Amino acid sequence: MAIDRFVYFTQDSIPSIEEVRLVLTNFLGGAGEVTYSVDRFFVSLPGKPTLPFKGLPGVVIPPTYPEKRWIEVWYGDDPRRGVIMDIMTRHEDEFTGALADQIAKMFARYWKGRAELD
C-alpha cells in the first residue's frame, strides 16, 4: 500500500529540481542514495524493512514483504493545485515512514509550503 505526503508550494517560494536533490542528499548525509529517473527522485535507504511489532500478540506479518527500503519524491505542476511535491512510500516500514514524514515537513518549513501528511 502506498502512502502519500503532499507539500503544496506558493508561486512565491518554490524549490528547483536541483535544490530538491541537494536537500535530499544533505538530509541523508551518506545514510542512503538519491537518484533521479524519468519523473521522480528515488531515495534508497540501507537495511531491510523492519516490523517493530513482530512477535506481539495479534500481529500478522504480510506474506510478501519487500526486501528494500525506498522513498519516491515526485515534484511538478498540478494544473488544479499549483506546484506540488509528493513524498511517497510503498510497503513502508516505520523507519521509512518516519523519514518520509520528516522530508515533507522539512520542505514545507523552508519553502513556506503546506504539508499534508496521512
PDB file of N, CA and C in Angstrom:
ATOM      1  N   MET A   1       0.841  -1.177   0.000  1.00  0.00           N
ATOM      2  CA  MET A   1       0.000   0.000   0.000  1.00  0.00           C
ATOM      3  C   MET A   1       0.890   1.246   0.000  1.00  0.00           C
ATOM      4  N   ALA A   2       0.591   2.163  -0.871  1.00  0.00           N
ATOM      5  CA  ALA A   2       1.363   3.404  -0.951  1.00  0.00           C
ATOM      6  C   ALA A   2       0.772   4.449  -0.009  1.00  0.00           C
ATOM      7  N   ILE A   3       1.649   5.244   0.573  1.00  0.00           N
ATOM      8  CA  ILE A   3       1.228   6.358   1.414  1.00  0.00           C
ATOM      9  C   ILE A   3       1.861   7.621   0.845  1.00  0.00           C
ATOM     10  N   ASP A   4       1.033   8.637   0.612  1.00  0.00           N
ATOM     11  CA  ASP A   4       1.484   9.904   0.049  1.00  0.00           C
ATOM     12  C   ASP A   4       1.512  10.981   1.121  1.00  0.00           C
ATOM     13  N   ARG A   5       2.533  11.813   1.054  1.00  0.00           N
ATOM     14  CA  ARG A   5       2.630  13.023   1.873  1.00  0.00           C
ATOM     15  C   ARG A   5       2.794  14.157   0.868  1.00  0.00           C
ATOM     16  N   PHE A   6       1.844  15.071   0.825  1.00  0.00           N
ATOM     17  CA  PHE A   6       1.882  16.145  -0.165  1.00  0.00           C
ATOM     18  C   PHE A   6       2.394  17.430   0.462  1.00  0.00           C
ATOM     19  N   VAL A   7       3.182  18.174  -0.326  1.00  0.00           N
ATOM     20  CA  VAL A   7       3.612  19.512   0.064  1.00  0.00           C
ATOM     21  C   VAL A   7       3.177  20.444  -1.065  1.00  0.00           C
ATOM     22  N   TYR A   8       2.412  21.469  -0.699  1.00  0.00           N
ATOM     23  CA  TYR A   8       1.921  22.455  -1.659  1.00  0.00           C
ATOM     24  C   TYR A   8       2.738  23.729  -1.496  1.00  0.00           C
ATOM     25  N   PHE A   9       3.197  24.276  -2.606  1.00  0.00           N
ATOM     26  CA  PHE A   9       4.015  25.487  -2.596  1.00  0.00           C
ATOM     27  C   PHE A   9       3.246  26.629  -3.244  1.00  0.00           C
ATOM     28  N   THR A  10       3.560  27.850  -2.833  1.00  0.00           N
ATOM     29  CA  THR A  10       3.004  29.027  -3.493  1.00  0.00           C
ATOM     30  C   THR A  10       3.959  29.435  -4.605  1.00  0.00           C
ATOM     31  N   GLN A  11       3.497  30.258  -5.505  1.00  0.00           N
ATOM     32  CA  GLN A  11       4.347  30.711  -6.606  1.00  0.00           C
ATOM     33  C   GLN A  11       5.510  31.569  -6.114  1.00  0.00           C
ATOM     34  N   ASP A  12       5.411  32.094  -4.896  1.00  0.00           N
ATOM     35  CA  ASP A  12       6.460  32.957  -4.341  1.00  0.00           C
ATOM     36  C   ASP A  12       7.678  32.175  -3.849  1.00  0.00           C
ATOM     37  N   SER A  13       7.489  30.911  -3.526  1.00  0.00           N
ATOM     38  CA  SER A  13       8.559  30.143  -2.894  1.00  0.00           C
ATOM     39  C   SER A  13       8.496  28.692  -3.355  1.00  0.00           C
ATOM     40  N   ILE A  14       9.315  28.376  -4.379  1.00  0.00           N
ATOM     41  CA  ILE A  14       9.302  27.041  -4.981  1.00  0.00           C
ATOM     42  C   ILE A  14      10.740  26.537  -5.101  1.00  0.00           C
ATOM     43  N   PRO A  15      11.026  25.334  -4.598  1.00  0.00           N
ATOM     44  CA  PRO A  15      12.383  24.802  -4.786  1.00  0.00           C
ATOM     45  C   PRO A  15      12.604  24.350  -6.228  1.00  0.00           C
ATOM     46  N   SER A  16      13.819  24.500  -6.698  1.00  0.00           N
ATOM     47  CA  SER A  16      14.170  23.993  -8.022  1.00  0.00           C
ATOM     48  C   SER A  16      14.459  22.496  -7.910  1.00  0.00           C
ATOM     49  N   ILE A  17      14.514  21.826  -9.040  1.00  0.00           N
ATOM     50  CA  ILE A  17      14.829  20.394  -9.040  1.00  0.00           C
ATOM     51  C   ILE A  17      16.204  20.165  -8.403  1.00  0.00           C
ATOM     52  N   GLU A  18      17.161  21.025  -8.723  1.00  0.00           N
ATOM     53  CA  GLU A  18      18.498  20.863  -8.145  1.00  0.00           C
ATOM     54  C   GLU A  18      18.479  21.094  -6.638  1.00  0.00           C
ATOM     55  N   GLU A  19      17.668  22.038  -6.164  1.00  0.00           N
ATOM     56  CA  GLU A  19      17.546  22.254  -4.719  1.00  0.00           C
ATOM     57  C   GLU A  19      16.909  21.041  -4.032  1.00  0.00           C
ATOM     58  N   VAL A  20      15.953  20.414  -4.700  1.00  0.00           N
ATOM     59  CA  VAL A  20      15.341  19.196  -4.137  1.00  0.00           C
ATOM     60  C   VAL A  20      16.407  18.121  -3.989  1.00  0.00           C
ATOM     61  N   ARG A  21      17.208  17.919  -5.032  1.00  0.00           N
ATOM     62  CA  ARG A  21      18.285  16.921  -4.982  1.00  0.00           C
ATOM     63  C   ARG A  21      19.272  17.239  -3.851  1.00  0.00           C
ATOM     64  N   LEU A  22      19.675  18.497  -3.739  1.00  0.00           N
ATOM     65  CA  LEU A  22      20.641  18.907  -2.723  1.00  0.00           C
ATOM     66  C   LEU A  22      20.099  18.671  -1.310  1.00  0.00           C
ATOM     67  N   VAL A  23      18.843  19.061  -1.068  1.00  0.00           N
ATOM     68  CA  VAL A  23      18.254  18.886   0.263  1.00  0.00           C
ATOM     69  C   VAL A  23      18.147  17.405   0.615  1.00  0.00           C
ATOM     70  N   LEU A  24      17.698  16.588  -0.331  1.00  0.00           N
ATOM     71  CA  LEU A  24      17.597  15.151  -0.055  1.00  0.00           C
ATOM     72  C   LEU A  24      18.963  14.545   0.247  1.00  0.00           C
ATOM     73  N   THR A  25      19.967  14.908  -0.545  1.00  0.00           N
ATOM     74  CA  THR A  25      21.324  14.388  -0.336  1.00  0.00           C
ATOM     75  C   THR A  25      21.885  14.852   1.001  1.00  0.00           C
ATOM     76  N   ASN A  26      21.719  16.131   1.313  1.00  0.00           N
ATOM     77  CA  ASN A  26      22.213  16.651   2.591  1.00  0.00           C
ATOM     78  C   ASN A  26      21.488  16.019   3.774  1.00  0.00           C
ATOM     79  N   PHE A  27      20.191  15.804   3.640  1.00  0.00           N
ATOM     80  CA  PHE A  27      19.398  15.197   4.704  1.00  0.00           C
ATOM     81  C   PHE A  27      19.922  13.799   5.042  1.00  0.00           C
ATOM     82  N   LEU A  28      20.233  13.033   4.012  1.00  0.00           N
ATOM     83  CA  LEU A  28      20.703  11.656   4.230  1.00  0.00           C
ATOM     84  C   LEU A  28      22.118  11.613   4.793  1.00  0.00           C
ATOM     85  N   GLY A  29      22.944  12.563   4.423  1.00  0.00           N
ATOM     86  CA  GLY A  29      24.307  12.595   4.935  1.00  0.00           C
ATOM     87  C   GLY A  29      25.073  11.300   4.734  1.00  0.00           C
ATOM     88  N   GLY A  30      24.844  10.636   3.618  1.00  0.00           N
ATOM     89  CA  GLY A  30      25.538   9.389   3.332  1.00  0.00           C
ATOM     90  C   GLY A  30      24.797   8.148   3.824  1.00  0.00           C
ATOM     91  N   ALA A  31      23.672   8.321   4.485  1.00  0.00           N
ATOM     92  CA  ALA A  31      22.913   7.180   5.007  1.00  0.00           C
ATOM     93  C   ALA A  31      21.941   6.623   3.969  1.00  0.00           C
ATOM     94  N   GLY A  32      22.156   6.959   2.734  1.00  0.00           N
ATOM     95  CA  GLY A  32      21.310   6.493   1.649  1.00  0.00           C
ATOM     96  C   GLY A  32      21.777   7.122   0.360  1.00  0.00           C
ATOM     97  N   GLU A  33      21.067   6.842  -0.717  1.00  0.00           N
ATOM     98  CA  GLU A  33      21.471   7.347  -2.030  1.00  0.00           C
ATOM     99  C   GLU A  33      20.278   7.991  -2.721  1.00  0.00           C
ATOM    100  N   VAL A  34      20.524   9.127  -3.376  1.00  0.00           N
ATOM    101  CA  VAL A  34      19.485   9.846  -4.109  1.00  0.00           C
ATOM    102  C   VAL A  34      19.781   9.728  -5.596  1.00  0.00           C
ATOM    103  N   THR A  35      18.792   9.251  -6.355  1.00  0.00           N
ATOM    104  CA  THR A  35      18.915   9.184  -7.812  1.00  0.00           C
ATOM    105  C   THR A  35      17.657   9.790  -8.424  1.00  0.00           C
ATOM    106  N   TYR A  36      17.772  10.181  -9.695  1.00  0.00           N
ATOM    107  CA  TYR A  36      16.624  10.723 -10.412  1.00  0.00           C
ATOM    108  C   TYR A  36      16.399   9.856 -11.631  1.00  0.00           C
ATOM    109  N   SER A  37      15.147   9.490 -11.858  1.00  0.00           N
ATOM    110  CA  SER A  37      14.829   8.672 -13.016  1.00  0.00           C
ATOM    111  C   SER A  37      13.496   9.109 -13.603  1.00  0.00           C
ATOM    112  N   VAL A  38      13.512   9.524 -14.820  1.00  0.00           N
ATOM    113  CA  VAL A  38      12.354   9.895 -15.631  1.00  0.00           C
ATOM    114  C   VAL A  38      11.550  11.058 -15.035  1.00  0.00           C
ATOM    115  N   ASP A  39      10.874  10.838 -13.916  1.00  0.00           N
ATOM    116  CA  ASP A  39       9.972  11.858 -13.400  1.00  0.00           C
ATOM    117  C   ASP A  39       9.975  11.970 -11.875  1.00  0.00           C
ATOM    118  N   ARG A  40      10.944  11.333 -11.213  1.00  0.00           N
ATOM    119  CA  ARG A  40      10.960  11.371  -9.751  1.00  0.00           C
ATOM    120  C   ARG A  40      12.341  11.055  -9.197  1.00  0.00           C
ATOM    121  N   PHE A  41      12.526  11.476  -7.953  1.00  0.00           N
ATOM    122  CA  PHE A  41      13.717  11.089  -7.212  1.00  0.00           C
ATOM    123  C   PHE A  41      13.432   9.790  -6.478  1.00  0.00           C
ATOM    124  N   PHE A  42      14.449   8.957  -6.375  1.00  0.00           N
ATOM    125  CA  PHE A  42      14.379   7.760  -5.544  1.00  0.00           C
ATOM    126  C   PHE A  42      15.385   7.936  -4.420  1.00  0.00           C
ATOM    127  N   VAL A  43      14.928   7.766  -3.201  1.00  0.00           N
ATOM    128  CA  VAL A  43      15.794   7.805  -2.033  1.00  0.00           C
ATOM    129  C   VAL A  43      15.919   6.363  -1.555  1.00  0.00           C
ATOM    130  N   SER A  44      17.067   5.750  -1.848  1.00  0.00           N
ATOM    131  CA  SER A  44      17.312   4.365  -1.441  1.00  0.00           C
ATOM    132  C   SER A  44      17.920   4.368  -0.057  1.00  0.00           C
ATOM    133  N   LEU A  45      17.366   3.558   0.824  1.00  0.00           N
ATOM    134  CA  LEU A  45      17.796   3.521   2.221  1.00  0.00           C
ATOM    135  C   LEU A  45      18.462   2.191   2.550  1.00  0.00           C
ATOM    136  N   PRO A  46      19.398   2.192   3.486  1.00  0.00           N
ATOM    137  CA  PRO A  46      20.083   0.954   3.850  1.00  0.00           C
ATOM    138  C   PRO A  46      19.193   0.059   4.711  1.00  0.00           C
ATOM    139  N   GLY A  47      19.604  -1.175   4.827  1.00  0.00           N
ATOM    140  CA  GLY A  47      18.911  -2.125   5.693  1.00  0.00           C
ATOM    141  C   GLY A  47      17.650  -2.666   5.059  1.00  0.00           C
ATOM    142  N   LYS A  48      17.068  -3.619   5.752  1.00  0.00           N
ATOM    143  CA  LYS A  48      15.820  -4.220   5.294  1.00  0.00           C
ATOM    144  C   LYS A  48      14.671  -3.646   6.103  1.00  0.00           C
ATOM    145  N   PRO A  49      13.475  -3.590   5.515  1.00  0.00           N
ATOM    146  CA  PRO A  49      12.317  -3.104   6.258  1.00  0.00           C
ATOM    147  C   PRO A  49      12.146  -3.872   7.568  1.00  0.00           C
ATOM    148  N   THR A  50      11.740  -3.146   8.596  1.00  0.00           N
ATOM    149  CA  THR A  50      11.571  -3.754   9.912  1.00  0.00           C
ATOM    150  C   THR A  50      10.096  -3.867  10.270  1.00  0.00           C
ATOM    151  N   LEU A  51       9.811  -4.732  11.178  1.00  0.00           N
ATOM    152  CA  LEU A  51       8.464  -4.916  11.711  1.00  0.00           C
ATOM    153  C   LEU A  51       8.565  -4.783  13.225  1.00  0.00           C
ATOM    154  N   PRO A  52       8.471  -3.558  13.763  1.00  0.00           N
ATOM    155  CA  PRO A  52       8.679  -3.348  15.194  1.00  0.00           C
ATOM    156  C   PRO A  52       7.739  -4.147  16.092  1.00  0.00           C
ATOM    157  N   PHE A  53       6.556  -4.476  15.606  1.00  0.00           N
ATOM    158  CA  PHE A  53       5.587  -5.170  16.449  1.00  0.00           C
ATOM    159  C   PHE A  53       5.584  -6.682  16.227  1.00  0.00           C
ATOM    160  N   LYS A  54       6.540  -7.161  15.431  1.00  0.00           N
ATOM    161  CA  LYS A  54       6.662  -8.590  15.166  1.00  0.00           C
ATOM    162  C   LYS A  54       6.810  -9.340  16.486  1.00  0.00           C
ATOM    163  N   GLY A  55       6.069 -10.416  16.626  1.00  0.00           N
ATOM    164  CA  GLY A  55       6.156 -11.233  17.827  1.00  0.00           C
ATOM    165  C   GLY A  55       5.150 -10.861  18.903  1.00  0.00           C
ATOM    166  N   LEU A  56       4.468  -9.725  18.736  1.00  0.00           N
ATOM    167  CA  LEU A  56       3.454  -9.339  19.717  1.00  0.00           C
ATOM    168  C   LEU A  56       2.137 -10.046  19.384  1.00  0.00           C
ATOM    169  N   PRO A  57       1.315 -10.287  20.389  1.00  0.00           N
ATOM    170  CA  PRO A  57       0.043 -10.984  20.148  1.00  0.00           C
ATOM    171  C   PRO A  57      -0.826 -10.246  19.129  1.00  0.00           C
ATOM    172  N   GLY A  58      -1.399 -11.014  18.215  1.00  0.00           N
ATOM    173  CA  GLY A  58      -2.326 -10.455  17.230  1.00  0.00           C
ATOM    174  C   GLY A  58      -1.683  -9.802  16.031  1.00  0.00           C
ATOM    175  N   VAL A  59      -0.368  -9.721  15.966  1.00  0.00           N
ATOM    176  CA  VAL A  59       0.306  -9.084  14.833  1.00  0.00           C
ATOM    177  C   VAL A  59       0.473 -10.112  13.715  1.00  0.00           C
ATOM    178  N   VAL A  60      -0.032  -9.757  12.543  1.00  0.00           N
ATOM    179  CA  VAL A  60       0.060 -10.632  11.382  1.00  0.00           C
ATOM    180  C   VAL A  60       1.108 -10.061  10.429  1.00  0.00           C
ATOM    181  N   ILE A  61       2.048 -10.886  10.057  1.00  0.00           N
ATOM    182  CA  ILE A  61       3.104 -10.470   9.129  1.00  0.00           C
ATOM    183  C   ILE A  61       2.599 -10.691   7.702  1.00  0.00           C
ATOM    184  N   PRO A  62       2.692  -9.653   6.850  1.00  0.00           N
ATOM    185  CA  PRO A  62       2.249  -9.832   5.458  1.00  0.00           C
ATOM    186  C   PRO A  62       3.038 -10.948   4.777  1.00  0.00           C
ATOM    187  N   PRO A  63       2.362 -11.758   3.945  1.00  0.00           N
ATOM    188  CA  PRO A  63       3.060 -12.873   3.286  1.00  0.00           C
ATOM    189  C   PRO A  63       4.166 -12.411   2.340  1.00  0.00           C
ATOM    190  N   THR A  64       3.987 -11.264   1.716  1.00  0.00           N
ATOM    191  CA  THR A  64       5.033 -10.707   0.855  1.00  0.00           C
ATOM    192  C   THR A  64       5.435  -9.354   1.429  1.00  0.00           C
ATOM    193  N   TYR A  65       6.648  -9.272   1.839  1.00  0.00           N
ATOM    194  CA  TYR A  65       7.161  -8.049   2.432  1.00  0.00           C
ATOM    195  C   TYR A  65       8.408  -7.658   1.659  1.00  0.00           C
ATOM    196  N   PRO A  66       8.557  -6.402   1.289  1.00  0.00           N
ATOM    197  CA  PRO A  66       9.680  -6.010   0.422  1.00  0.00           C
ATOM    198  C   PRO A  66      11.045  -6.243   1.087  1.00  0.00           C
ATOM    199  N   GLU A  67      12.030  -6.402   0.253  1.00  0.00           N
ATOM    200  CA  GLU A  67      13.396  -6.617   0.730  1.00  0.00           C
ATOM    201  C   GLU A  67      14.177  -5.314   0.850  1.00  0.00           C
ATOM    202  N   LYS A  68      13.636  -4.242   0.284  1.00  0.00           N
ATOM    203  CA  LYS A  68      14.363  -2.970   0.256  1.00  0.00           C
ATOM    204  C   LYS A  68      13.504  -1.858   0.838  1.00  0.00           C
ATOM    205  N   ARG A  69      14.195  -0.780   1.236  1.00  0.00           N
ATOM    206  CA  ARG A  69      13.537   0.441   1.707  1.00  0.00           C
ATOM    207  C   ARG A  69      13.815   1.546   0.698  1.00  0.00           C
ATOM    208  N   TRP A  70      12.768   2.310   0.358  1.00  0.00           N
ATOM    209  CA  TRP A  70      12.975   3.463  -0.501  1.00  0.00           C
ATOM    210  C   TRP A  70      11.819   4.436  -0.348  1.00  0.00           C
ATOM    211  N   ILE A  71      12.087   5.671  -0.756  1.00  0.00           N
ATOM    212  CA  ILE A  71      11.092   6.746  -0.775  1.00  0.00           C
ATOM    213  C   ILE A  71      11.132   7.347  -2.173  1.00  0.00           C
ATOM    214  N   GLU A  72       9.972   7.662  -2.722  1.00  0.00           N
ATOM    215  CA  GLU A  72       9.899   8.331  -4.020  1.00  0.00           C
ATOM    216  C   GLU A  72       9.470   9.777  -3.788  1.00  0.00           C
ATOM    217  N   VAL A  73      10.130  10.684  -4.476  1.00  0.00           N
ATOM    218  CA  VAL A  73       9.784  12.109  -4.363  1.00  0.00           C
ATOM    219  C   VAL A  73       9.430  12.610  -5.758  1.00  0.00           C
ATOM    220  N   TRP A  74       8.148  12.859  -5.969  1.00  0.00           N
ATOM    221  CA  TRP A  74       7.614  13.385  -7.217  1.00  0.00           C
ATOM    222  C   TRP A  74       7.486  14.894  -7.053  1.00  0.00           C
ATOM    223  N   TYR A  75       7.787  15.626  -8.100  1.00  0.00           N
ATOM    224  CA  TYR A  75       7.777  17.077  -7.993  1.00  0.00           C
ATOM    225  C   TYR A  75       7.357  17.675  -9.323  1.00  0.00           C
ATOM    226  N   GLY A  76       6.363  18.542  -9.293  1.00  0.00           N
ATOM    227  CA  GLY A  76       5.949  19.193 -10.536  1.00  0.00           C
ATOM    228  C   GLY A  76       4.690  20.000 -10.375  1.00  0.00           C
ATOM    229  N   ASP A  77       4.199  20.506 -11.507  1.00  0.00           N
ATOM    230  CA  ASP A  77       2.996  21.336 -11.536  1.00  0.00           C
ATOM    231  C   ASP A  77       1.759  20.466 -11.646  1.00  0.00           C
ATOM    232  N   ASP A  78       0.767  20.816 -10.870  1.00  0.00           N
ATOM    233  CA  ASP A  78      -0.558  20.208 -10.976  1.00  0.00           C
ATOM    234  C   ASP A  78      -1.483  21.330 -11.435  1.00  0.00           C
ATOM    235  N   PRO A  79      -2.164  21.164 -12.569  1.00  0.00           N
ATOM    236  CA  PRO A  79      -2.983  22.251 -13.104  1.00  0.00           C
ATOM    237  C   PRO A  79      -4.034  22.768 -12.109  1.00  0.00           C
ATOM    238  N   ARG A  80      -4.509  21.916 -11.219  1.00  0.00           N
ATOM    239  CA  ARG A  80      -5.553  22.322 -10.278  1.00  0.00           C
ATOM    240  C   ARG A  80      -5.003  22.860  -8.968  1.00  0.00           C
ATOM    241  N   ARG A  81      -3.803  22.371  -8.560  1.00  0.00           N
ATOM    242  CA  ARG A  81      -3.309  22.707  -7.223  1.00  0.00           C
ATOM    243  C   ARG A  81      -1.995  23.470  -7.211  1.00  0.00           C
ATOM    244  N   GLY A  82      -1.422  23.772  -8.356  1.00  0.00           N
ATOM    245  CA  GLY A  82      -0.156  24.502  -8.386  1.00  0.00           C
ATOM    246  C   GLY A  82       1.033  23.568  -8.274  1.00  0.00           C
ATOM    247  N   VAL A  83       2.143  24.076  -7.758  1.00  0.00           N
ATOM    248  CA  VAL A  83       3.356  23.279  -7.615  1.00  0.00           C
ATOM    249  C   VAL A  83       3.194  22.377  -6.391  1.00  0.00           C
ATOM    250  N   ILE A  84       3.458  21.115  -6.619  1.00  0.00           N
ATOM    251  CA  ILE A  84       3.213  20.126  -5.573  1.00  0.00           C
ATOM    252  C   ILE A  84       4.356  19.125  -5.521  1.00  0.00           C
ATOM    253  N   MET A  85       4.629  18.633  -4.330  1.00  0.00           N
ATOM    254  CA  MET A  85       5.612  17.573  -4.132  1.00  0.00           C
ATOM    255  C   MET A  85       4.885  16.419  -3.453  1.00  0.00           C
ATOM    256  N   ASP A  86       5.117  15.221  -3.938  1.00  0.00           N
ATOM    257  CA  ASP A  86       4.531  14.017  -3.360  1.00  0.00           C
ATOM    258  C   ASP A  86       5.666  13.147  -2.858  1.00  0.00           C
ATOM    259  N   ILE A  87       5.741  12.982  -1.558  1.00  0.00           N
ATOM    260  CA  ILE A  87       6.748  12.108  -0.950  1.00  0.00           C
ATOM    261  C   ILE A  87       6.023  10.798  -0.663  1.00  0.00           C
ATOM    262  N   MET A  88       6.341   9.774  -1.447  1.00  0.00           N
ATOM    263  CA  MET A  88       5.577   8.533  -1.433  1.00  0.00           C
ATOM    264  C   MET A  88       6.405   7.351  -0.916  1.00  0.00           C
ATOM    265  N   THR A  89       5.755   6.543  -0.109  1.00  0.00           N
ATOM    266  CA  THR A  89       6.363   5.279   0.300  1.00  0.00           C
ATOM    267  C   THR A  89       5.450   4.154  -0.167  1.00  0.00           C
ATOM    268  N   ARG A  90       6.059   3.041  -0.487  1.00  0.00           N
ATOM    269  CA  ARG A  90       5.311   1.843  -0.891  1.00  0.00           C
ATOM    270  C   ARG A  90       5.741   0.720   0.049  1.00  0.00           C
ATOM    271  N   HIS A  91       4.792   0.033   0.618  1.00  0.00           N
ATOM    272  CA  HIS A  91       5.102  -1.052   1.555  1.00  0.00           C
ATOM    273  C   HIS A  91       6.047  -0.570   2.649  1.00  0.00           C
ATOM    274  N   GLU A  92       5.778   0.583   3.191  1.00  0.00           N
ATOM    275  CA  GLU A  92       6.714   1.193   4.129  1.00  0.00           C
ATOM    276  C   GLU A  92       6.794   0.465   5.461  1.00  0.00           C
ATOM    277  N   ASP A  93       7.943   0.578   6.082  1.00  0.00           N
ATOM    278  CA  ASP A  93       8.080   0.187   7.481  1.00  0.00           C
ATOM    279  C   ASP A  93       8.089   1.481   8.304  1.00  0.00           C
ATOM    280  N   GLU A  94       8.089   1.356   9.615  1.00  0.00           N
ATOM    281  CA  GLU A  94       8.010   2.536  10.490  1.00  0.00           C
ATOM    282  C   GLU A  94       9.171   3.501  10.266  1.00  0.00           C
ATOM    283  N   PHE A  95      10.363   2.974  10.086  1.00  0.00           N
ATOM    284  CA  PHE A  95      11.562   3.789   9.887  1.00  0.00           C
ATOM    285  C   PHE A  95      11.443   4.617   8.606  1.00  0.00           C
ATOM    286  N   THR A  96      11.084   3.970   7.513  1.00  0.00           N
ATOM    287  CA  THR A  96      10.956   4.651   6.230  1.00  0.00           C
ATOM    288  C   THR A  96       9.849   5.701   6.288  1.00  0.00           C
ATOM    289  N   GLY A  97       8.733   5.364   6.917  1.00  0.00           N
ATOM    290  CA  GLY A  97       7.629   6.310   7.056  1.00  0.00           C
ATOM    291  C   GLY A  97       8.017   7.543   7.844  1.00  0.00           C
ATOM    292  N   ALA A  98       8.779   7.349   8.922  1.00  0.00           N
ATOM    293  CA  ALA A  98       9.215   8.489   9.736  1.00  0.00           C
ATOM    294  C   ALA A  98      10.128   9.413   8.928  1.00  0.00           C
ATOM    295  N   LEU A  99      11.015   8.845   8.131  1.00  0.00           N
ATOM    296  CA  LEU A  99      11.891   9.670   7.292  1.00  0.00           C
ATOM    297  C   LEU A  99      11.080  10.428   6.237  1.00  0.00           C
ATOM    298  N   ALA A 100      10.123   9.766   5.618  1.00  0.00           N
ATOM    299  CA  ALA A 100       9.303  10.419   4.603  1.00  0.00           C
ATOM    300  C   ALA A 100       8.499  11.571   5.214  1.00  0.00           C
ATOM    301  N   ASP A 101       7.945  11.363   6.398  1.00  0.00           N
ATOM    302  CA  ASP A 101       7.213  12.443   7.081  1.00  0.00           C
ATOM    303  C   ASP A 101       8.125  13.637   7.313  1.00  0.00           C
ATOM    304  N   GLN A 102       9.343  13.378   7.766  1.00  0.00           N
ATOM    305  CA  GLN A 102      10.280  14.459   8.061  1.00  0.00           C
ATOM    306  C   GLN A 102      10.702  15.204   6.796  1.00  0.00           C
ATOM    307  N   ILE A 103      10.870  14.479   5.704  1.00  0.00           N
ATOM    308  CA  ILE A 103      11.228  15.123   4.436  1.00  0.00           C
ATOM    309  C   ILE A 103      10.121  16.096   4.029  1.00  0.00           C
ATOM    310  N   ALA A 104       8.867  15.689   4.135  1.00  0.00           N
ATOM    311  CA  ALA A 104       7.748  16.570   3.784  1.00  0.00           C
ATOM    312  C   ALA A 104       7.729  17.804   4.680  1.00  0.00           C
ATOM    313  N   LYS A 105       7.893  17.611   5.972  1.00  0.00           N
ATOM    314  CA  LYS A 105       7.883  18.735   6.916  1.00  0.00           C
ATOM    315  C   LYS A 105       9.029  19.708   6.625  1.00  0.00           C
ATOM    316  N   MET A 106      10.181  19.156   6.289  1.00  0.00           N
ATOM    317  CA  MET A 106      11.364  19.959   6.025  1.00  0.00           C
ATOM    318  C   MET A 106      11.162  20.879   4.816  1.00  0.00           C
ATOM    319  N   PHE A 107      10.661  20.316   3.711  1.00  0.00           N
ATOM    320  CA  PHE A 107      10.428  21.123   2.506  1.00  0.00           C
ATOM    321  C   PHE A 107       9.360  22.179   2.763  1.00  0.00           C
ATOM    322  N   ALA A 108       8.301  21.797   3.449  1.00  0.00           N
ATOM    323  CA  ALA A 108       7.228  22.757   3.747  1.00  0.00           C
ATOM    324  C   ALA A 108       7.746  23.893   4.622  1.00  0.00           C
ATOM    325  N   ARG A 109       8.549  23.567   5.598  1.00  0.00           N
ATOM    326  CA  ARG A 109       9.053  24.591   6.524  1.00  0.00           C
ATOM    327  C   ARG A 109       9.960  25.587   5.802  1.00  0.00           C
ATOM    328  N   TYR A 110      10.928  25.109   5.060  1.00  0.00           N
ATOM    329  CA  TYR A 110      11.909  26.007   4.451  1.00  0.00           C
ATOM    330  C   TYR A 110      11.306  26.859   3.337  1.00  0.00           C
ATOM    331  N   TRP A 111      10.446  26.254   2.516  1.00  0.00           N
ATOM    332  CA  TRP A 111       9.879  26.983   1.385  1.00  0.00           C
ATOM    333  C   TRP A 111       8.485  27.531   1.695  1.00  0.00           C
ATOM    334  N   LYS A 112       8.132  27.545   2.967  1.00  0.00           N
ATOM    335  CA  LYS A 112       6.849  28.107   3.417  1.00  0.00           C
ATOM    336  C   LYS A 112       5.661  27.498   2.682  1.00  0.00           C
ATOM    337  N   GLY A 113       5.745  26.183   2.489  1.00  0.00           N
ATOM    338  CA  GLY A 113       4.640  25.453   1.878  1.00  0.00           C
ATOM    339  C   GLY A 113       3.717  24.881   2.931  1.00  0.00           C
ATOM    340  N   ARG A 114       2.827  24.049   2.484  1.00  0.00           N
ATOM    341  CA  ARG A 114       1.882  23.409   3.398  1.00  0.00           C
ATOM    342  C   ARG A 114       1.995  21.906   3.218  1.00  0.00           C
ATOM    343  N   ALA A 115       2.311  21.195   4.293  1.00  0.00           N
ATOM    344  CA  ALA A 115       2.445  19.739   4.248  1.00  0.00           C
ATOM    345  C   ALA A 115       1.128  19.090   4.644  1.00  0.00           C
ATOM    346  N   GLU A 116       0.768  18.077   3.908  1.00  0.00           N
ATOM    347  CA  GLU A 116      -0.423  17.285   4.199  1.00  0.00           C
ATOM    348  C   GLU A 116       0.047  15.840   4.388  1.00  0.00           C
ATOM    349  N   LEU A 117       0.069  15.406   5.631  1.00  0.00           N
ATOM    350  CA  LEU A 117       0.554  14.075   5.964  1.00  0.00           C
ATOM    351  C   LEU A 117      -0.623  13.166   6.314  1.00  0.00           C
ATOM    352  N   ASP A 118      -0.580  11.932   5.847  1.00  0.00           N
ATOM    353  CA  ASP A 118      -1.610  10.964   6.241  1.00  0.00           C
ATOM    354  C   ASP A 118      -1.174  10.185   7.439  1.00  0.00           C
TER     355      ASP A 118
END
